[in-house]
Amino acid sequence: MAATQVGFGLGSNIGDKPGNIRTALRLLSERNIARLDAVSRIYRTPPWGVLDQGDFANACAIGVTGLAPYELLAAVKKIEADMGREPTRRWGPRLIDVDILFLGELRVEDPELTIPHKELFSRGFVLAPLAEIAPSLILSGASVASAAAGADLGGVEPWVEEE
């Protein structure tokens, strides 16, 4: 596959949450999964979907990949597994989550993979960091900056490292 722009959403709410995000970003680069061109700050965000769990650390990154969609999915799932992610309930606690937000203009819709990510425009914890690094990006005909401006960003704030 030709080099294609790719967006990732990363999240963690177990252990060293910001450290888990940084490790996953490093592995995306080290394993030549993507050349990252822009990485957002890390944000502290309240849980989404299942509320009886701790806050998350979230970030987004944009880069370029030469991997085809299912190769890319396998590569990010391998990062999650290698970092120690274990199966849990849907939207439950996780050591690391690496979502493919978009892959160029590609559209994929099947049970295993949906690109662009089907929840992208309903999640403030994705839109805030994505708008930070790519406000003029247009996905599925919508501007990321406009989507972020209209999203519920309650509780989504830059992570402050504990001293």
C-alpha atoms as a PDB file:
ATOM      1  CA  MET A   1       0.000   0.000   0.000  1.00  0.00           C
ATOM      2  CA  ALA A   2       1.276   3.498  -0.797  1.00  0.00           C
ATOM      3  CA  ALA A   3       2.166   5.799   2.086  1.00  0.00           C
ATOM      4  CA  THR A   4      -1.128   7.000   3.553  1.00  0.00           C
ATOM      5  CA  GLN A   5      -1.984   9.459   6.313  1.00  0.00           C
ATOM      6  CA  VAL A   6      -3.181   7.684   9.443  1.00  0.00           C
ATOM      7  CA  GLY A   7      -4.638   8.863  12.734  1.00  0.00           C
ATOM      8  CA  PHE A   8      -4.456   7.044  16.054  1.00  0.00           C
ATOM      9  CA  GLY A   9      -6.363   7.521  19.285  1.00  0.00           C
ATOM     10  CA  LEU A  10      -4.648   6.176  22.396  1.00  0.00           C
ATOM     11  CA  GLY A  11      -6.089   5.602  25.848  1.00  0.00           C
ATOM     12  CA  SER A  12      -5.097   4.077  29.192  1.00  0.00           C
ATOM     13  CA  ASN A  13      -6.612   3.950  32.664  1.00  0.00           C
ATOM     14  CA  ILE A  14      -4.506   1.309  34.420  1.00  0.00           C
ATOM     15  CA  GLY A  15      -1.042   1.820  35.934  1.00  0.00           C
ATOM     16  CA  ASP A  16       1.171   4.650  34.670  1.00  0.00           C
ATOM     17  CA  LYS A  17      -1.423   6.011  32.282  1.00  0.00           C
ATOM     18  CA  PRO A  18       0.693   8.722  30.577  1.00  0.00           C
ATOM     19  CA  GLY A  19       3.649   6.316  30.504  1.00  0.00           C
ATOM     20  CA  ASN A  20       1.523   3.689  28.749  1.00  0.00           C
ATOM     21  CA  ILE A  21       0.555   6.248  26.080  1.00  0.00           C
ATOM     22  CA  ARG A  22       4.212   7.246  25.579  1.00  0.00           C
ATOM     23  CA  THR A  23       5.269   3.578  25.298  1.00  0.00           C
ATOM     24  CA  ALA A  24       2.610   2.834  22.666  1.00  0.00           C
ATOM     25  CA  LEU A  25       3.646   5.926  20.660  1.00  0.00           C
ATOM     26  CA  ARG A  26       7.290   4.836  20.816  1.00  0.00           C
ATOM     27  CA  LEU A  27       6.362   1.318  19.630  1.00  0.00           C
ATOM     28  CA  LEU A  28       4.347   2.691  16.688  1.00  0.00           C
ATOM     29  CA  SER A  29       7.545   4.385  15.508  1.00  0.00           C
ATOM     30  CA  GLU A  30      10.108   1.735  16.516  1.00  0.00           C
ATOM     31  CA  ARG A  31       8.172  -1.035  14.781  1.00  0.00           C
ATOM     32  CA  ASN A  32       7.814   1.058  11.606  1.00  0.00           C
ATOM     33  CA  ILE A  33       4.044   0.916  11.844  1.00  0.00           C
ATOM     34  CA  ALA A  34       3.836   4.648  11.205  1.00  0.00           C
ATOM     35  CA  ARG A  35       6.114   7.654  10.972  1.00  0.00           C
ATOM     36  CA  LEU A  36       4.445  10.004  13.432  1.00  0.00           C
ATOM     37  CA  ASP A  37       4.331  13.638  12.314  1.00  0.00           C
ATOM     38  CA  ALA A  38       2.198  15.128  15.110  1.00  0.00           C
ATOM     39  CA  VAL A  39       1.355  13.986  18.634  1.00  0.00           C
ATOM     40  CA  SER A  40      -1.087  15.776  20.922  1.00  0.00           C
ATOM     41  CA  ARG A  41      -0.602  16.487  24.572  1.00  0.00           C
ATOM     42  CA  ILE A  42      -1.930  13.831  26.911  1.00  0.00           C
ATOM     43  CA  TYR A  43      -5.393  14.622  28.289  1.00  0.00           C
ATOM     44  CA  ARG A  44      -7.085  13.483  31.488  1.00  0.00           C
ATOM     45  CA  THR A  45     -10.608  12.400  30.622  1.00  0.00           C
ATOM     46  CA  PRO A  46     -13.523  10.894  32.519  1.00  0.00           C
ATOM     47  CA  PRO A  47     -14.553   7.332  31.627  1.00  0.00           C
ATOM     48  CA  TRP A  48     -16.941   6.923  28.699  1.00  0.00           C
ATOM     49  CA  GLY A  49     -19.498   4.155  28.222  1.00  0.00           C
ATOM     50  CA  VAL A  50     -18.799   2.340  31.498  1.00  0.00           C
ATOM     51  CA  LEU A  51     -18.519   4.929  34.275  1.00  0.00           C
ATOM     52  CA  ASP A  52     -17.443   2.827  37.297  1.00  0.00           C
ATOM     53  CA  GLN A  53     -13.706   3.088  36.601  1.00  0.00           C
ATOM     54  CA  GLY A  54     -10.858   5.568  36.918  1.00  0.00           C
ATOM     55  CA  ASP A  55     -10.062   8.508  34.656  1.00  0.00           C
ATOM     56  CA  PHE A  56      -8.259   7.876  31.397  1.00  0.00           C
ATOM     57  CA  ALA A  57      -5.186   9.369  29.822  1.00  0.00           C
ATOM     58  CA  ASN A  58      -5.895  10.005  26.125  1.00  0.00           C
ATOM     59  CA  ALA A  59      -3.888  11.343  23.201  1.00  0.00           C
ATOM     60  CA  CYS A  60      -3.953  11.365  19.410  1.00  0.00           C
ATOM     61  CA  ALA A  61      -1.207  11.044  16.835  1.00  0.00           C
ATOM     62  CA  ILE A  62      -1.092  11.534  13.082  1.00  0.00           C
ATOM     63  CA  GLY A  63       1.481  10.066  10.766  1.00  0.00           C
ATOM     64  CA  VAL A  64       2.072   8.121   7.607  1.00  0.00           C
ATOM     65  CA  THR A  65       1.902   4.349   7.162  1.00  0.00           C
ATOM     66  CA  GLY A  66       2.537   1.950   4.319  1.00  0.00           C
ATOM     67  CA  LEU A  67       0.460  -0.799   5.923  1.00  0.00           C
ATOM     68  CA  ALA A  68      -2.849  -1.989   4.514  1.00  0.00           C
ATOM     69  CA  PRO A  69      -5.874  -1.717   6.859  1.00  0.00           C
ATOM     70  CA  TYR A  70      -5.806  -5.234   8.308  1.00  0.00           C
ATOM     71  CA  GLU A  71      -2.004  -5.248   8.604  1.00  0.00           C
ATOM     72  CA  LEU A  72      -2.303  -1.986  10.528  1.00  0.00           C
ATOM     73  CA  LEU A  73      -5.014  -3.446  12.774  1.00  0.00           C
ATOM     74  CA  ALA A  74      -2.851  -6.521  13.507  1.00  0.00           C
ATOM     75  CA  ALA A  75       0.141  -4.291  14.286  1.00  0.00           C
ATOM     76  CA  VAL A  76      -1.731  -2.102  16.801  1.00  0.00           C
ATOM     77  CA  LYS A  77      -3.345  -5.163  18.418  1.00  0.00           C
ATOM     78  CA  LYS A  78       0.160  -6.660  18.805  1.00  0.00           C
ATOM     79  CA  ILE A  79       1.344  -3.489  20.573  1.00  0.00           C
ATOM     80  CA  GLU A  80      -1.631  -3.759  22.950  1.00  0.00           C
ATOM     81  CA  ALA A  81      -0.905  -7.452  23.647  1.00  0.00           C
ATOM     82  CA  ASP A  82       2.864  -6.946  24.006  1.00  0.00           C
ATOM     83  CA  MET A  83       2.250  -4.159  26.528  1.00  0.00           C
ATOM     84  CA  GLY A  84       0.084  -6.527  28.585  1.00  0.00           C
ATOM     85  CA  ARG A  85      -3.465  -5.577  27.671  1.00  0.00           C
ATOM     86  CA  GLU A  86      -5.877  -8.272  28.717  1.00  0.00           C
ATOM     87  CA  PRO A  87      -9.423  -8.810  27.479  1.00  0.00           C
ATOM     88  CA  THR A  88     -12.013  -6.959  29.539  1.00  0.00           C
ATOM     89  CA  ARG A  89     -15.606  -5.869  29.244  1.00  0.00           C
ATOM     90  CA  ARG A  90     -16.505  -3.472  26.457  1.00  0.00           C
ATOM     91  CA  TRP A  91     -15.434   0.103  27.350  1.00  0.00           C
ATOM     92  CA  GLY A  92     -13.913  -1.278  30.563  1.00  0.00           C
ATOM     93  CA  PRO A  93     -10.530  -0.558  32.148  1.00  0.00           C
ATOM     94  CA  ARG A  94      -7.540  -1.087  29.901  1.00  0.00           C
ATOM     95  CA  LEU A  95      -3.793  -0.807  30.147  1.00  0.00           C
ATOM     96  CA  ILE A  96      -3.618   0.525  26.589  1.00  0.00           C
ATOM     97  CA  ASP A  97      -5.997   1.031  23.710  1.00  0.00           C
ATOM     98  CA  VAL A  98      -4.718   2.019  20.265  1.00  0.00           C
ATOM     99  CA  ASP A  99      -7.540   2.874  17.867  1.00  0.00           C
ATOM    100  CA  ILE A 100      -7.174   3.582  14.157  1.00  0.00           C
ATOM    101  CA  LEU A 101      -9.162   6.790  13.714  1.00  0.00           C
ATOM    102  CA  PHE A 102      -8.710   7.165   9.958  1.00  0.00           C
ATOM    103  CA  LEU A 103      -6.551   5.864   7.108  1.00  0.00           C
ATOM    104  CA  GLY A 104      -6.464   8.421   4.303  1.00  0.00           C
ATOM    105  CA  GLU A 105      -9.854   8.561   2.596  1.00  0.00           C
ATOM    106  CA  LEU A 106     -10.381   4.823   3.032  1.00  0.00           C
ATOM    107  CA  ARG A 107     -13.714   3.531   4.269  1.00  0.00           C
ATOM    108  CA  VAL A 108     -13.952   0.068   5.811  1.00  0.00           C
ATOM    109  CA  GLU A 109     -17.041  -1.245   7.552  1.00  0.00           C
ATOM    110  CA  ASP A 110     -17.107  -4.770   8.874  1.00  0.00           C
ATOM    111  CA  PRO A 111     -17.315  -6.430  12.306  1.00  0.00           C
ATOM    112  CA  GLU A 112     -13.513  -6.490  12.691  1.00  0.00           C
ATOM    113  CA  LEU A 113     -12.641  -2.966  11.552  1.00  0.00           C
ATOM    114  CA  THR A 114     -14.452   0.295  10.879  1.00  0.00           C
ATOM    115  CA  ILE A 115     -12.558   3.202   9.298  1.00  0.00           C
ATOM    116  CA  PRO A 116     -13.067   6.047   9.965  1.00  0.00           C
ATOM    117  CA  HIS A 117     -13.645   5.041  13.581  1.00  0.00           C
ATOM    118  CA  LYS A 118     -17.422   4.889  14.054  1.00  0.00           C
ATOM    119  CA  GLU A 119     -17.402   6.713  17.419  1.00  0.00           C
ATOM    120  CA  LEU A 120     -14.909   9.415  16.395  1.00  0.00           C
ATOM    121  CA  PHE A 121     -17.342  12.327  16.232  1.00  0.00           C
ATOM    122  CA  SER A 122     -19.148  11.432  19.478  1.00  0.00           C
ATOM    123  CA  ARG A 123     -16.065  11.344  21.703  1.00  0.00           C
ATOM    124  CA  GLY A 124     -14.721  14.569  23.162  1.00  0.00           C
ATOM    125  CA  PHE A 125     -11.704  12.671  24.502  1.00  0.00           C
ATOM    126  CA  VAL A 126     -10.696  11.976  20.877  1.00  0.00           C
ATOM    127  CA  LEU A 127     -11.819  15.250  19.308  1.00  0.00           C
ATOM    128  CA  ALA A 128      -9.958  17.530  21.757  1.00  0.00           C
ATOM    129  CA  PRO A 129      -6.485  16.032  21.175  1.00  0.00           C
ATOM    130  CA  LEU A 130      -7.139  15.504  17.458  1.00  0.00           C
ATOM    131  CA  ALA A 131      -8.239  19.127  17.021  1.00  0.00           C
ATOM    132  CA  GLU A 132      -5.084  20.219  18.850  1.00  0.00           C
ATOM    133  CA  ILE A 133      -2.832  18.679  16.171  1.00  0.00           C
ATOM    134  CA  ALA A 134      -5.075  18.765  13.069  1.00  0.00           C
ATOM    135  CA  PRO A 135      -7.878  21.350  13.383  1.00  0.00           C
ATOM    136  CA  SER A 136      -8.264  21.735   9.607  1.00  0.00           C
ATOM    137  CA  LEU A 137      -8.499  17.984   8.984  1.00  0.00           C
ATOM    138  CA  ILE A 138     -11.724  16.979   7.199  1.00  0.00           C
ATOM    139  CA  LEU A 139     -13.025  13.476   7.908  1.00  0.00           C
ATOM    140  CA  SER A 140     -16.234  12.136   6.388  1.00  0.00           C
ATOM    141  CA  GLY A 141     -17.014  15.664   5.203  1.00  0.00           C
ATOM    142  CA  ALA A 142     -16.714  17.204   8.680  1.00  0.00           C
ATOM    143  CA  SER A 143     -14.024  19.463  10.089  1.00  0.00           C
ATOM    144  CA  VAL A 144     -12.316  18.131  13.194  1.00  0.00           C
ATOM    145  CA  ALA A 145     -12.210  21.656  14.695  1.00  0.00           C
ATOM    146  CA  SER A 146     -15.962  22.148  14.137  1.00  0.00           C
ATOM    147  CA  ALA A 147     -16.732  18.711  15.556  1.00  0.00           C
ATOM    148  CA  ALA A 148     -14.600  19.439  18.635  1.00  0.00           C
ATOM    149  CA  ALA A 149     -16.286  22.825  19.105  1.00  0.00           C
ATOM    150  CA  GLY A 150     -19.680  21.088  19.179  1.00  0.00           C
ATOM    151  CA  ALA A 151     -18.629  18.114  21.312  1.00  0.00           C
ATOM    152  CA  ASP A 152     -19.119  17.539  25.019  1.00  0.00           C
ATOM    153  CA  LEU A 153     -15.641  18.259  26.357  1.00  0.00           C
ATOM    154  CA  GLY A 154     -16.720  18.172  30.005  1.00  0.00           C
ATOM    155  CA  GLY A 155     -13.839  16.889  32.104  1.00  0.00           C
ATOM    156  CA  VAL A 156     -11.421  16.707  29.145  1.00  0.00           C
ATOM    157  CA  GLU A 157      -8.325  18.654  30.190  1.00  0.00           C
ATOM    158  CA  PRO A 158      -4.570  18.486  29.642  1.00  0.00           C
ATOM    159  CA  TRP A 159      -2.908  15.955  31.951  1.00  0.00           C
ATOM    160  CA  VAL A 160      -0.911  17.527  34.744  1.00  0.00           C
ATOM    161  CA  GLU A 161       1.902  15.212  35.872  1.00  0.00           C
ATOM    162  CA  GLU A 162       1.671  14.537  39.582  1.00  0.00           C
ATOM    163  CA  GLU A 163       4.616  15.883  41.506  1.00  0.00           C
END
